[in-house]
Amino acid sequence: MSAPVSVAHDDLAGTTGTAGKRKRTPVTSTTSNYKGFVAGVFSGIAKLSVGHPFDTIKVRLQTSEKSRFRGPLDCVLQTVRKEGVYGLYKGATPPLVGWMFMDSVMLGSLTLYRRILREKAFRPRQTADGGPGKLPAFGHGVAGMFAGWTVSFIAAPVEHVKARLQIQYQAKKSQRLYSGPLDCSKKLLKSHGIPGLFHGLSATLIFRTFFFFWWSTYDLFTQALTSRTSLSTPAVNFWAGGLSAQVFWITSYPSDVVKQRIMTDPLEPERRRFPHWKNAAKTVWRESGWRGYWRGFMPCFLRAFPANAMALVAFEGVMRALE
């Protein structure tokens, strides 16, 4: 999940503080686009380096038989013992490559939806210094939800390939069905066409509906930290981004479990267990009750803050270096 590692709108770039505490700083999201592209690459590398092992453990716990692993630590130990440290990074290439496109679509559409909502729906009054009125937290949430749906059309195939690579438990590459992301994509397209590659799109759309909570709380945390602390703007973004990511995962995690079940389901009609989202949701409940919707949550929760924090540190550091 891409973190709010860059601020591409005037609502969160030094404008949320009280009058006199912090001056308005102009946003230059379109200035030197190549800098943002290069910084985004390093941000993606940092995010994947820190967060992907947690994600691999999460996916394996979500999709494996309950008896296979006793818990997150056992899953880590078994993976490293049988597959080496590399096993924790299976499926890392698709999200690393896709991150640049996903972040571009996410932030670009988020900015567009915010502007449309500000001008057409909420129409807030101008600020005292003549700046555009601030979109309320609810508006940020709605814009985030729309942006989540938009980026889902890129995220779905990336996450589908990643998930199928992550559940290959064979230590030797020659024994695996897919040798890598390109091989996986080719085989999915050859056997099942474009619908096969985009398998799980509806589940991805449902999951990213919860971006409403991510971006609305990001705005609330930003306002609170700006008005009640003396933290710098980068520090406010760091803490607000990390905390809002935690809120997002707490609200969205059950839908992510269902999504992973669907994405790792056999695609052959005669072998498919979950023809619809509700079938996967009911199966999780039948197998494990309400606890099934939270299996693998701890690695995910532990991953959210440091992965997003490191992405922000890398992004800001490279941007400063390129100035």
Protein backbone atom coordinates (compact mmCIF):
# COMPACT_ATOMS: atom_id res chain seq x y z
CA MET A 1 0.00 0.00 0.00
CA SER A 2 1.48 3.24 -0.98
CA ALA A 3 1.94 5.68 1.83
CA PRO A 4 1.20 9.42 1.67
CA VAL A 5 4.89 10.07 1.11
CA SER A 6 4.48 13.33 -0.76
CA VAL A 7 2.04 16.14 -0.29
CA ALA A 8 0.60 17.32 -3.55
CA HIS A 9 -2.04 19.76 -2.36
CA ASP A 10 -2.22 22.99 -0.41
CA ASP A 11 -4.33 21.64 2.44
CA LEU A 12 -1.46 19.75 4.05
CA ALA A 13 1.58 21.76 3.04
CA GLY A 14 2.01 24.19 5.86
CA THR A 15 -1.51 25.58 5.83
CA THR A 16 -3.15 23.61 8.62
CA GLY A 17 -1.58 25.42 11.53
CA THR A 18 -3.09 28.27 13.46
CA ALA A 19 -2.59 31.79 12.23
CA GLY A 20 0.85 33.15 13.05
CA LYS A 21 2.31 29.78 14.04
CA ARG A 22 3.25 28.58 10.58
CA LYS A 23 3.35 30.55 7.37
CA ARG A 24 1.73 29.35 4.21
CA THR A 25 4.26 27.58 2.02
CA PRO A 26 3.60 27.21 -1.68
CA VAL A 27 3.16 23.74 -3.08
CA THR A 28 5.21 22.94 -6.16
CA SER A 29 4.00 19.47 -7.04
CA THR A 30 4.63 20.11 -10.74
CA THR A 31 8.07 21.65 -10.32
CA SER A 32 11.00 19.56 -11.53
CA ASN A 33 8.99 16.43 -12.16
CA TYR A 34 12.11 14.36 -12.67
CA LYS A 35 13.09 15.00 -9.04
CA GLY A 36 9.85 13.49 -7.78
CA PHE A 37 10.29 10.52 -10.13
CA VAL A 38 13.85 9.82 -8.94
CA ALA A 39 12.92 10.34 -5.29
CA GLY A 40 9.94 8.03 -5.77
CA VAL A 41 12.24 5.25 -6.96
CA PHE A 42 14.34 5.49 -3.80
CA SER A 43 11.22 5.75 -1.68
CA GLY A 44 9.88 2.59 -3.25
CA ILE A 45 13.15 0.76 -2.62
CA ALA A 46 13.15 1.85 1.02
CA LYS A 47 9.52 0.86 1.48
CA LEU A 48 10.02 -2.55 -0.08
CA SER A 49 13.30 -3.19 1.77
CA VAL A 50 11.68 -2.56 5.15
CA GLY A 51 8.12 -3.65 4.55
CA HIS A 52 8.10 -6.54 2.09
CA PRO A 53 9.23 -9.29 4.53
CA PHE A 54 6.32 -8.32 6.80
CA ASP A 55 3.99 -8.44 3.80
CA THR A 56 5.21 -11.90 2.78
CA ILE A 57 4.55 -13.27 6.27
CA LYS A 58 1.13 -11.57 6.27
CA VAL A 59 0.12 -13.11 2.95
CA ARG A 60 1.34 -16.58 3.93
CA LEU A 61 -0.56 -16.49 7.21
CA GLN A 62 -3.67 -15.21 5.44
CA THR A 63 -3.71 -17.90 2.76
CA SER A 64 -2.16 -21.03 4.29
CA GLU A 65 -3.82 -23.82 6.23
CA LYS A 66 -4.09 -22.98 9.91
CA SER A 67 -1.88 -25.94 10.84
CA ARG A 68 1.02 -24.89 8.61
CA PHE A 69 2.31 -22.11 10.87
CA ARG A 70 1.88 -21.64 14.63
CA GLY A 71 2.12 -17.89 14.26
CA PRO A 72 4.11 -15.01 12.67
CA LEU A 73 7.43 -15.95 14.26
CA ASP A 74 7.09 -19.59 13.25
CA CYS A 75 6.28 -18.47 9.71
CA VAL A 76 9.43 -16.32 9.63
CA LEU A 77 11.64 -19.11 10.99
CA GLN A 78 10.26 -21.72 8.60
CA THR A 79 10.62 -19.40 5.62
CA VAL A 80 14.23 -18.48 6.40
CA ARG A 81 15.21 -22.06 7.28
CA LYS A 82 13.73 -23.59 4.12
CA GLU A 83 14.10 -20.77 1.59
CA GLY A 84 16.72 -18.44 3.03
CA VAL A 85 16.33 -14.72 3.62
CA TYR A 86 15.42 -14.37 -0.06
CA GLY A 87 12.20 -16.21 0.70
CA LEU A 88 11.00 -13.16 2.64
CA TYR A 89 11.38 -11.07 -0.52
CA LYS A 90 9.45 -13.28 -2.91
CA GLY A 91 7.14 -11.21 -5.08
CA ALA A 92 8.99 -7.97 -4.31
CA THR A 93 9.59 -6.96 -7.93
CA PRO A 94 5.96 -6.29 -8.98
CA PRO A 95 5.20 -3.76 -6.21
CA LEU A 96 8.65 -2.16 -6.60
CA VAL A 97 8.14 -1.62 -10.33
CA GLY A 98 4.47 -0.76 -9.98
CA TRP A 99 4.97 1.68 -7.11
CA MET A 100 6.04 4.57 -9.35
CA PHE A 101 2.93 4.24 -11.49
CA MET A 102 0.67 3.61 -8.51
CA ASP A 103 1.96 6.62 -6.58
CA SER A 104 1.67 8.86 -9.62
CA VAL A 105 -1.94 7.82 -10.24
CA MET A 106 -2.77 7.90 -6.54
CA LEU A 107 -1.45 11.39 -5.80
CA GLY A 108 -2.50 12.82 -9.15
CA SER A 109 -6.07 11.60 -8.88
CA LEU A 110 -6.20 12.50 -5.18
CA THR A 111 -5.28 16.09 -6.01
CA LEU A 112 -7.85 16.20 -8.82
CA TYR A 113 -10.66 14.80 -6.67
CA ARG A 114 -9.83 17.21 -3.84
CA ARG A 115 -10.04 20.16 -6.18
CA ILE A 116 -13.34 18.96 -7.67
CA LEU A 117 -14.83 18.35 -4.22
CA ARG A 118 -13.60 21.72 -2.98
CA GLU A 119 -15.03 23.60 -5.97
CA LYS A 120 -18.21 21.62 -6.64
CA ALA A 121 -19.31 19.98 -3.39
CA PHE A 122 -18.01 21.63 -0.21
CA ARG A 123 -17.13 25.15 -1.45
CA PRO A 124 -15.35 26.26 1.75
CA ARG A 125 -14.77 29.96 2.40
CA GLN A 126 -11.41 31.49 1.59
CA THR A 127 -8.84 31.74 4.37
CA ALA A 128 -8.00 35.06 6.04
CA ASP A 129 -4.96 35.56 3.80
CA GLY A 130 -6.97 34.98 0.64
CA GLY A 131 -5.96 31.38 0.07
CA PRO A 132 -8.36 28.64 -1.03
CA GLY A 133 -10.66 27.34 1.67
CA LYS A 134 -9.68 24.16 3.43
CA LEU A 135 -11.41 20.94 2.51
CA PRO A 136 -12.86 19.25 5.62
CA ALA A 137 -11.55 15.87 6.79
CA PHE A 138 -14.65 14.17 5.38
CA GLY A 139 -13.86 15.63 1.97
CA HIS A 140 -10.29 14.32 2.20
CA GLY A 141 -11.72 10.91 2.99
CA VAL A 142 -14.06 10.94 -0.01
CA ALA A 143 -11.22 12.06 -2.29
CA GLY A 144 -9.02 9.31 -0.88
CA MET A 145 -11.73 6.72 -1.54
CA PHE A 146 -12.12 7.85 -5.16
CA ALA A 147 -8.34 7.82 -5.60
CA GLY A 148 -8.22 4.34 -4.10
CA TRP A 149 -10.75 3.09 -6.65
CA THR A 150 -8.78 4.75 -9.45
CA VAL A 151 -5.43 3.23 -8.52
CA SER A 152 -7.04 -0.19 -8.03
CA PHE A 153 -6.91 -0.78 -11.78
CA ILE A 154 -3.11 -0.67 -11.55
CA ALA A 155 -2.81 -2.25 -8.13
CA ALA A 156 -4.96 -5.32 -8.84
CA PRO A 157 -2.65 -7.06 -11.36
CA VAL A 158 0.47 -6.02 -9.41
CA GLU A 159 -0.89 -7.44 -6.15
CA HIS A 160 -2.26 -10.53 -7.88
CA VAL A 161 1.16 -11.46 -9.29
CA LYS A 162 2.85 -10.62 -5.99
CA ALA A 163 0.47 -12.82 -4.02
CA ARG A 164 0.96 -15.83 -6.31
CA LEU A 165 4.73 -15.50 -6.06
CA GLN A 166 4.60 -15.16 -2.28
CA ILE A 167 2.81 -18.47 -1.76
CA GLN A 168 5.38 -20.49 -3.69
CA TYR A 169 6.99 -22.41 -0.85
CA GLN A 170 9.52 -24.38 -2.90
CA ALA A 171 13.12 -23.49 -2.07
CA LYS A 172 14.41 -24.36 -5.56
CA LYS A 173 13.31 -22.08 -8.37
CA SER A 174 13.11 -25.02 -10.78
CA GLN A 175 10.33 -26.53 -8.67
CA ARG A 176 8.14 -23.42 -8.72
CA LEU A 177 5.28 -22.84 -11.12
CA TYR A 178 6.41 -19.25 -11.72
CA SER A 179 10.08 -18.29 -12.08
CA GLY A 180 9.36 -14.61 -11.53
CA PRO A 181 6.86 -11.79 -12.03
CA LEU A 182 7.16 -11.67 -15.83
CA ASP A 183 6.79 -15.43 -16.10
CA CYS A 184 3.78 -15.32 -13.80
CA SER A 185 2.16 -12.52 -15.81
CA LYS A 186 2.77 -14.32 -19.11
CA LYS A 187 1.31 -17.58 -17.86
CA LEU A 188 -1.74 -15.86 -16.41
CA LEU A 189 -2.36 -14.03 -19.68
CA LYS A 190 -1.77 -17.12 -21.80
CA SER A 191 -4.05 -19.36 -19.74
CA HIS A 192 -6.75 -16.93 -18.60
CA GLY A 193 -6.37 -13.75 -20.62
CA ILE A 194 -6.67 -10.23 -19.22
CA PRO A 195 -9.47 -11.23 -16.80
CA GLY A 196 -7.04 -13.75 -15.28
CA LEU A 197 -4.38 -11.11 -14.73
CA PHE A 198 -6.97 -8.78 -13.17
CA HIS A 199 -8.44 -11.55 -11.01
CA GLY A 200 -9.42 -9.99 -7.67
CA LEU A 201 -10.15 -6.51 -9.04
CA SER A 202 -13.52 -6.28 -7.28
CA ALA A 203 -11.90 -7.34 -3.99
CA THR A 204 -9.20 -4.71 -4.57
CA LEU A 205 -11.86 -2.02 -5.09
CA ILE A 206 -13.58 -3.03 -1.84
CA PHE A 207 -10.26 -3.01 0.03
CA ARG A 208 -9.27 0.43 -1.25
CA THR A 209 -12.64 1.88 -0.29
CA PHE A 210 -11.08 2.09 3.17
CA PHE A 211 -8.68 4.76 1.87
CA PHE A 212 -11.44 7.01 3.17
CA PHE A 213 -10.17 6.38 6.70
CA TRP A 214 -6.52 6.76 5.68
CA TRP A 215 -6.82 10.20 4.13
CA SER A 216 -9.44 11.63 6.48
CA THR A 217 -7.37 10.71 9.55
CA TYR A 218 -4.20 11.92 7.82
CA ASP A 219 -5.80 15.35 7.66
CA LEU A 220 -7.01 15.16 11.28
CA PHE A 221 -3.60 14.05 12.58
CA THR A 222 -1.91 16.78 10.54
CA GLN A 223 -4.17 19.46 12.00
CA ALA A 224 -3.68 18.22 15.56
CA LEU A 225 0.10 17.92 15.31
CA THR A 226 0.44 21.27 13.59
CA SER A 227 -1.67 23.20 16.09
CA ARG A 228 -0.55 21.43 19.28
CA THR A 229 3.15 20.80 18.70
CA SER A 230 6.18 22.66 17.38
CA LEU A 231 7.15 19.86 15.00
CA SER A 232 8.47 20.81 11.59
CA THR A 233 6.33 20.14 8.53
CA PRO A 234 8.34 17.01 7.53
CA ALA A 235 8.00 15.67 11.08
CA VAL A 236 4.26 16.31 11.04
CA ASN A 237 3.97 14.45 7.74
CA PHE A 238 6.08 11.61 9.18
CA TRP A 239 3.90 11.07 12.24
CA ALA A 240 0.58 11.81 10.55
CA GLY A 241 1.42 9.44 7.72
CA GLY A 242 2.46 6.63 10.04
CA LEU A 243 -0.50 6.99 12.40
CA SER A 244 -3.07 7.27 9.61
CA ALA A 245 -1.59 4.15 7.99
CA GLN A 246 -2.26 2.29 11.24
CA VAL A 247 -5.87 3.50 11.24
CA PHE A 248 -6.27 2.38 7.65
CA TRP A 249 -5.07 -1.15 8.35
CA ILE A 250 -7.19 -1.53 11.47
CA THR A 251 -10.31 -0.67 9.48
CA SER A 252 -9.43 -2.47 6.24
CA TYR A 253 -7.63 -5.63 7.32
CA PRO A 254 -10.58 -8.10 7.16
CA SER A 255 -11.22 -7.05 3.55
CA ASP A 256 -7.52 -7.59 2.79
CA VAL A 257 -7.72 -11.15 4.12
CA VAL A 258 -10.65 -11.85 1.79
CA LYS A 259 -8.80 -10.20 -1.11
CA GLN A 260 -5.72 -12.39 -0.61
CA ARG A 261 -7.87 -15.53 -0.48
CA ILE A 262 -9.42 -14.58 -3.81
CA MET A 263 -6.10 -13.67 -5.45
CA THR A 264 -4.50 -17.00 -4.48
CA ASP A 265 -7.53 -19.07 -5.45
CA PRO A 266 -7.03 -21.44 -8.44
CA LEU A 267 -8.20 -19.78 -11.63
CA GLU A 268 -9.49 -22.93 -13.30
CA PRO A 269 -13.33 -22.91 -13.04
CA GLU A 270 -13.46 -26.53 -11.88
CA ARG A 271 -10.96 -25.86 -9.06
CA ARG A 272 -12.05 -22.37 -8.04
CA ARG A 273 -13.32 -22.12 -4.47
CA PHE A 274 -14.43 -18.48 -4.47
CA PRO A 275 -16.47 -17.40 -7.50
CA HIS A 276 -17.58 -14.30 -5.60
CA TRP A 277 -16.28 -12.08 -2.79
CA LYS A 278 -18.97 -13.28 -0.38
CA ASN A 279 -17.90 -16.91 -0.89
CA ALA A 280 -14.39 -16.11 0.32
CA ALA A 281 -15.71 -14.07 3.25
CA LYS A 282 -18.03 -16.89 4.32
CA THR A 283 -15.22 -19.46 4.03
CA VAL A 284 -12.96 -17.45 6.32
CA TRP A 285 -15.75 -17.28 8.90
CA ARG A 286 -16.58 -20.96 8.58
CA GLU A 287 -12.95 -22.05 8.97
CA SER A 288 -11.80 -19.73 11.77
CA GLY A 289 -14.63 -17.50 12.94
CA TRP A 290 -13.96 -13.80 13.48
CA ARG A 291 -10.30 -14.50 14.27
CA GLY A 292 -9.82 -15.63 10.69
CA TYR A 293 -10.33 -12.10 9.46
CA TRP A 294 -7.38 -10.96 11.58
CA ARG A 295 -4.91 -13.75 10.84
CA GLY A 296 -1.54 -12.24 9.97
CA PHE A 297 -2.54 -8.83 11.31
CA MET A 298 0.48 -8.37 13.58
CA PRO A 299 3.12 -8.43 10.78
CA CYS A 300 0.96 -6.03 8.80
CA PHE A 301 0.47 -3.67 11.74
CA LEU A 302 4.16 -3.74 12.63
CA ARG A 303 5.06 -3.08 9.01
CA ALA A 304 2.77 -0.11 8.40
CA PHE A 305 4.54 2.55 10.42
CA PRO A 306 8.24 1.83 9.74
CA ALA A 307 7.72 1.06 6.04
CA ASN A 308 5.81 4.28 5.44
CA ALA A 309 8.15 6.27 7.67
CA MET A 310 11.24 5.04 5.82
CA ALA A 311 9.56 5.77 2.48
CA LEU A 312 9.02 9.36 3.62
CA VAL A 313 12.60 9.72 4.90
CA ALA A 314 14.00 8.44 1.59
CA PHE A 315 11.68 10.60 -0.48
CA GLU A 316 12.44 13.82 1.40
CA GLY A 317 16.19 13.06 1.56
CA VAL A 318 16.54 12.53 -2.18
CA MET A 319 14.42 15.61 -2.93
CA ARG A 320 16.74 17.73 -0.76
CA ALA A 321 19.82 16.19 -2.41
CA LEU A 322 18.53 17.10 -5.88
CA GLU A 323 17.80 20.73 -5.02
